[in-house]
Amino acid sequence: MDIGGGRKAYDDINITPMLDLAYVLLVIFILMATASVQGIKVDLPKASSAKSLEQPKTIAITVNNQGQIFMDAFPVTLADLETRLRNAKASNPDVPIVLKGDQTAQYGKITEVLDLCRQLDLNKVGLVTGKPTAS
């Protein structure tokens, strides 16, 4: 005589909802990790000693390998960069600037940005370099 009505015990655990949650968390962590990266990716030249000028109000200027100029990850022209630097100097005369130039960037563009900083009497300008790799 079968009293249970033909039902058998539920032995399998359904892990599909747990895997869905794990995949959603993985996607969230990947998005948050990539969102924290600032600036334009360039191939930095290597230097054995470098002094950091990073402060909370540091302006980052980047020249990529095509000669495009970026200020805090936004593309700008040289005239627009001059206007923005004048405004930044008006609010903080000692504003620190870091200049990142790609290793294969046009030397003339980097020189133009440095010359503009000198014309505007911005003295706290640092060049960003990467650390040399051990051979």
Protein backbone atom coordinates (compact mmCIF):
# COMPACT_ATOMS: atom_id res chain seq x y z
CA MET A 1 0.00 0.00 0.00
CA ASP A 2 1.39 3.42 -1.03
CA ILE A 3 0.44 6.02 1.55
CA GLY A 4 2.47 8.96 0.17
CA GLY A 5 0.43 9.17 -3.01
CA GLY A 6 3.39 8.30 -5.25
CA ARG A 7 5.57 11.26 -4.28
CA LYS A 8 9.25 10.79 -3.68
CA ALA A 9 11.46 12.86 -1.44
CA TYR A 10 12.93 16.06 -2.93
CA ASP A 11 16.65 15.26 -2.99
CA ASP A 12 18.00 17.76 -5.55
CA ILE A 13 18.88 21.33 -4.64
CA ASN A 14 18.17 23.93 -7.30
CA ILE A 15 21.28 26.13 -7.50
CA THR A 16 20.14 28.24 -10.46
CA PRO A 17 19.00 31.24 -8.33
CA MET A 18 22.29 31.16 -6.42
CA LEU A 19 24.29 31.16 -9.68
CA ASP A 20 22.18 34.04 -11.02
CA LEU A 21 23.01 36.04 -7.93
CA ALA A 22 26.72 35.21 -8.23
CA TYR A 23 26.80 36.35 -11.88
CA VAL A 24 25.00 39.60 -11.07
CA LEU A 25 27.47 40.32 -8.25
CA LEU A 26 30.39 39.53 -10.56
CA VAL A 27 29.12 41.99 -13.17
CA ILE A 28 28.62 44.67 -10.50
CA PHE A 29 32.16 44.22 -9.18
CA ILE A 30 33.65 44.37 -12.68
CA LEU A 31 31.73 47.58 -13.47
CA MET A 32 32.74 49.21 -10.19
CA ALA A 33 36.42 48.29 -10.67
CA THR A 34 36.56 49.75 -14.18
CA ALA A 35 34.58 52.87 -13.18
CA SER A 36 37.25 53.87 -10.65
CA VAL A 37 39.97 54.16 -13.32
CA GLN A 38 40.49 57.79 -14.32
CA GLY A 39 42.00 59.28 -17.42
CA ILE A 40 43.09 58.11 -20.82
CA LYS A 41 45.28 55.02 -21.07
CA VAL A 42 48.69 55.85 -22.49
CA ASP A 43 51.98 53.98 -22.61
CA LEU A 44 54.13 55.94 -20.13
CA PRO A 45 57.91 56.20 -20.48
CA LYS A 46 59.92 54.72 -17.61
CA ALA A 47 61.98 56.69 -15.04
CA SER A 48 63.91 55.39 -12.06
CA SER A 49 63.05 58.29 -9.76
CA ALA A 50 59.89 60.33 -9.88
CA LYS A 51 58.36 62.77 -7.42
CA SER A 52 54.59 62.65 -7.11
CA LEU A 53 52.60 65.90 -7.30
CA GLU A 54 49.23 64.23 -6.85
CA GLN A 55 46.89 66.24 -4.67
CA PRO A 56 43.09 66.32 -4.56
CA LYS A 57 42.87 69.35 -6.93
CA THR A 58 45.57 68.25 -9.37
CA ILE A 59 44.83 68.87 -13.04
CA ALA A 60 45.73 65.94 -15.29
CA ILE A 61 46.69 66.79 -18.86
CA THR A 62 47.26 63.88 -21.24
CA VAL A 63 48.73 63.80 -24.74
CA ASN A 64 48.04 60.48 -26.47
CA ASN A 65 50.03 58.90 -29.29
CA GLN A 66 47.92 60.67 -31.97
CA GLY A 67 48.74 64.09 -30.49
CA GLN A 68 45.27 64.67 -29.01
CA ILE A 69 45.18 66.68 -25.77
CA PHE A 70 42.93 65.71 -22.86
CA MET A 71 42.27 67.63 -19.66
CA ASP A 72 40.95 65.39 -16.90
CA ALA A 73 39.94 62.76 -19.52
CA PHE A 74 38.01 65.26 -21.70
CA PRO A 75 39.39 66.10 -25.18
CA VAL A 76 40.35 69.77 -25.56
CA THR A 77 42.07 71.96 -28.10
CA LEU A 78 45.10 74.02 -27.16
CA ALA A 79 43.00 77.22 -27.06
CA ASP A 80 40.37 75.54 -24.88
CA LEU A 81 43.12 74.21 -22.62
CA GLU A 82 44.47 77.75 -22.21
CA THR A 83 41.04 79.03 -21.18
CA ARG A 84 40.53 76.23 -18.68
CA LEU A 85 44.00 76.66 -17.19
CA ARG A 86 43.43 80.42 -16.82
CA ASN A 87 40.19 79.70 -14.94
CA ALA A 88 41.91 77.11 -12.75
CA LYS A 89 44.73 79.55 -11.97
CA ALA A 90 42.22 82.26 -11.08
CA SER A 91 40.67 80.01 -8.43
CA ASN A 92 44.00 78.56 -7.20
CA PRO A 93 47.27 80.26 -8.25
CA ASP A 94 49.35 77.27 -7.09
CA VAL A 95 47.32 74.60 -8.87
CA PRO A 96 49.48 71.52 -9.49
CA ILE A 97 49.44 70.02 -12.99
CA VAL A 98 50.56 66.57 -14.05
CA LEU A 99 51.34 66.01 -17.72
CA LYS A 100 51.09 62.48 -19.09
CA GLY A 101 52.50 61.99 -22.54
CA ASP A 102 52.46 58.72 -24.43
CA GLN A 103 55.89 57.29 -25.12
CA THR A 104 55.25 57.58 -28.86
CA ALA A 105 53.49 60.98 -28.65
CA GLN A 106 54.53 63.89 -30.81
CA TYR A 107 57.20 65.79 -28.89
CA GLY A 108 55.93 69.09 -30.32
CA LYS A 109 52.49 68.71 -28.73
CA ILE A 110 53.99 68.05 -25.29
CA THR A 111 56.27 71.06 -25.75
CA GLU A 112 53.28 73.23 -26.70
CA VAL A 113 51.46 72.21 -23.50
CA LEU A 114 54.58 72.88 -21.38
CA ASP A 115 55.08 76.26 -23.11
CA LEU A 116 51.44 77.17 -22.42
CA CYS A 117 51.91 76.35 -18.73
CA ARG A 118 55.02 78.53 -18.64
CA GLN A 119 53.20 81.43 -20.37
CA LEU A 120 50.42 81.21 -17.79
CA ASP A 121 53.05 81.19 -15.00
CA LEU A 122 52.00 77.76 -13.75
CA ASN A 123 55.08 76.51 -11.93
CA LYS A 124 53.86 73.26 -10.37
CA VAL A 125 54.03 71.05 -13.46
CA GLY A 126 55.15 67.45 -13.22
CA LEU A 127 55.71 64.83 -15.90
CA VAL A 128 54.21 61.42 -15.20
CA THR A 129 56.43 58.41 -15.85
CA GLY A 130 56.06 54.71 -15.25
CA LYS A 131 58.39 52.57 -13.20
CA PRO A 132 61.11 50.74 -15.12
CA THR A 133 60.69 47.02 -15.48
CA ALA A 134 63.39 44.79 -14.05
CA SER A 135 65.26 43.00 -16.83
